[in-house]
């Protein structure tokens, strides 16, 4: 349960922070552009962190004594990437809409 609450809070914090950055840095842009960028911030961050973790895992793969364990690590990372992207979109889109609407006033 704490993992889900922590995920929701992290998604809301990243999306809200990005909405604040977008509205303060580019106030002349359309609301749709600002909401889209804010809503995509957490899924894009998840993809960047996934690629970094994948590169580190593949670099360390020759040093693993047991065969097959690297594949399970990559599988679990893909599972959490799918979770992060889906949760980021489901929670991030309404958060971005409300955050941009509140910050544009």
Protein backbone atom coordinates (compact mmCIF):
# COMPACT_ATOMS: atom_id res chain seq x y z
CA UNK A 1 0.00 0.00 0.00
CA UNK A 2 2.81 2.40 0.87
CA UNK A 3 4.37 1.75 -2.57
CA UNK A 4 1.19 2.89 -4.31
CA UNK A 5 0.85 5.99 -2.14
CA UNK A 6 4.53 6.81 -2.71
CA UNK A 7 4.09 6.37 -6.47
CA UNK A 8 1.08 8.67 -6.52
CA UNK A 9 2.90 11.33 -4.51
CA UNK A 10 5.99 11.10 -6.72
CA UNK A 11 3.92 11.39 -9.89
CA UNK A 12 2.02 14.37 -8.53
CA UNK A 13 5.23 16.07 -7.37
CA UNK A 14 7.05 15.62 -10.69
CA UNK A 15 4.01 16.67 -12.71
CA UNK A 16 3.29 19.66 -10.50
CA UNK A 17 6.92 20.75 -10.57
CA UNK A 18 7.01 20.48 -14.34
CA UNK A 19 3.74 22.42 -14.62
CA UNK A 20 5.23 25.18 -12.48
CA UNK A 21 8.41 25.22 -14.60
CA UNK A 22 6.50 25.26 -17.88
CA UNK A 23 4.07 27.99 -16.86
CA UNK A 24 6.77 30.21 -15.40
CA UNK A 25 9.29 29.72 -18.21
CA UNK A 26 6.92 29.81 -21.19
CA UNK A 27 3.84 31.78 -20.11
CA UNK A 28 2.90 32.69 -23.70
CA UNK A 29 2.46 29.08 -24.83
CA UNK A 30 -0.97 27.55 -25.11
CA UNK A 31 -2.56 25.78 -22.19
CA UNK A 32 -2.72 22.55 -24.20
CA UNK A 33 1.06 22.64 -24.81
CA UNK A 34 1.76 23.24 -21.13
CA UNK A 35 -0.57 20.46 -19.99
CA UNK A 36 0.89 18.02 -22.50
CA UNK A 37 4.47 18.71 -21.45
CA UNK A 38 3.59 18.50 -17.75
CA UNK A 39 1.63 15.26 -18.22
CA UNK A 40 4.46 13.61 -20.16
CA UNK A 41 7.14 14.58 -17.65
CA UNK A 42 6.89 11.53 -15.39
CA UNK A 43 6.64 8.94 -18.21
CA UNK A 44 9.64 10.55 -19.94
CA UNK A 45 11.58 10.58 -16.68
CA UNK A 46 10.72 6.89 -16.23
CA UNK A 47 12.02 6.05 -19.70
CA UNK A 48 15.28 7.95 -19.11
CA UNK A 49 15.86 6.19 -15.78
CA UNK A 50 14.99 2.83 -17.37
CA UNK A 51 17.58 3.34 -20.10
CA UNK A 52 20.21 4.29 -17.52
CA UNK A 53 19.44 1.22 -15.40
CA UNK A 54 19.42 -1.01 -18.48
CA UNK A 55 22.83 0.24 -19.59
CA UNK A 56 24.29 -0.33 -16.13
CA UNK A 57 22.78 -3.82 -16.01
CA UNK A 58 24.12 -4.77 -19.43
CA UNK A 59 27.58 -3.42 -18.63
CA UNK A 60 27.66 -5.53 -15.46
CA UNK A 61 26.18 -8.62 -17.17
CA UNK A 62 29.50 -10.38 -17.95
CA UNK A 63 30.43 -10.30 -14.23
CA UNK A 64 27.32 -12.22 -13.12
CA UNK A 65 28.25 -15.81 -12.21
CA UNK A 66 24.80 -17.34 -12.83
CA UNK A 67 23.34 -17.38 -16.31
CA UNK A 68 19.77 -16.17 -16.70
CA UNK A 69 19.65 -13.81 -13.76
CA UNK A 70 20.31 -10.75 -15.92
CA UNK A 71 17.26 -11.57 -18.02
CA UNK A 72 15.06 -11.63 -14.94
CA UNK A 73 16.44 -8.28 -13.82
CA UNK A 74 15.68 -6.77 -17.22
CA UNK A 75 12.20 -8.33 -17.18
CA UNK A 76 11.45 -6.78 -13.80
CA UNK A 77 12.72 -3.40 -15.01
CA UNK A 78 10.42 -3.60 -18.05
CA UNK A 79 7.50 -4.45 -15.76
CA UNK A 80 8.18 -1.42 -13.58
CA UNK A 81 8.65 0.76 -16.67
CA UNK A 82 5.19 -0.23 -17.90
CA UNK A 83 3.77 0.44 -14.43
CA UNK A 84 5.48 3.84 -14.21
CA UNK A 85 4.34 4.95 -17.66
CA UNK A 86 0.75 3.79 -17.15
CA UNK A 87 0.48 5.26 -13.65
CA UNK A 88 2.22 8.41 -14.82
CA UNK A 89 -0.36 8.93 -17.52
CA UNK A 90 -3.40 7.97 -15.43
CA UNK A 91 -2.43 10.19 -12.51
CA UNK A 92 -0.32 12.73 -14.39
CA UNK A 93 -2.92 13.91 -16.89
CA UNK A 94 -5.50 15.12 -14.32
CA UNK A 95 -2.70 16.51 -12.13
CA UNK A 96 -1.26 18.42 -15.08
CA UNK A 97 -4.65 19.83 -16.03
CA UNK A 98 -5.37 21.08 -12.51
CA UNK A 99 -1.80 22.33 -11.93
CA UNK A 100 -1.57 24.29 -15.17
CA UNK A 101 -5.06 25.72 -14.68
CA UNK A 102 -4.15 26.86 -11.15
CA UNK A 103 -0.75 28.26 -12.12
CA UNK A 104 -2.00 30.22 -15.13
CA UNK A 105 -4.30 32.36 -12.99
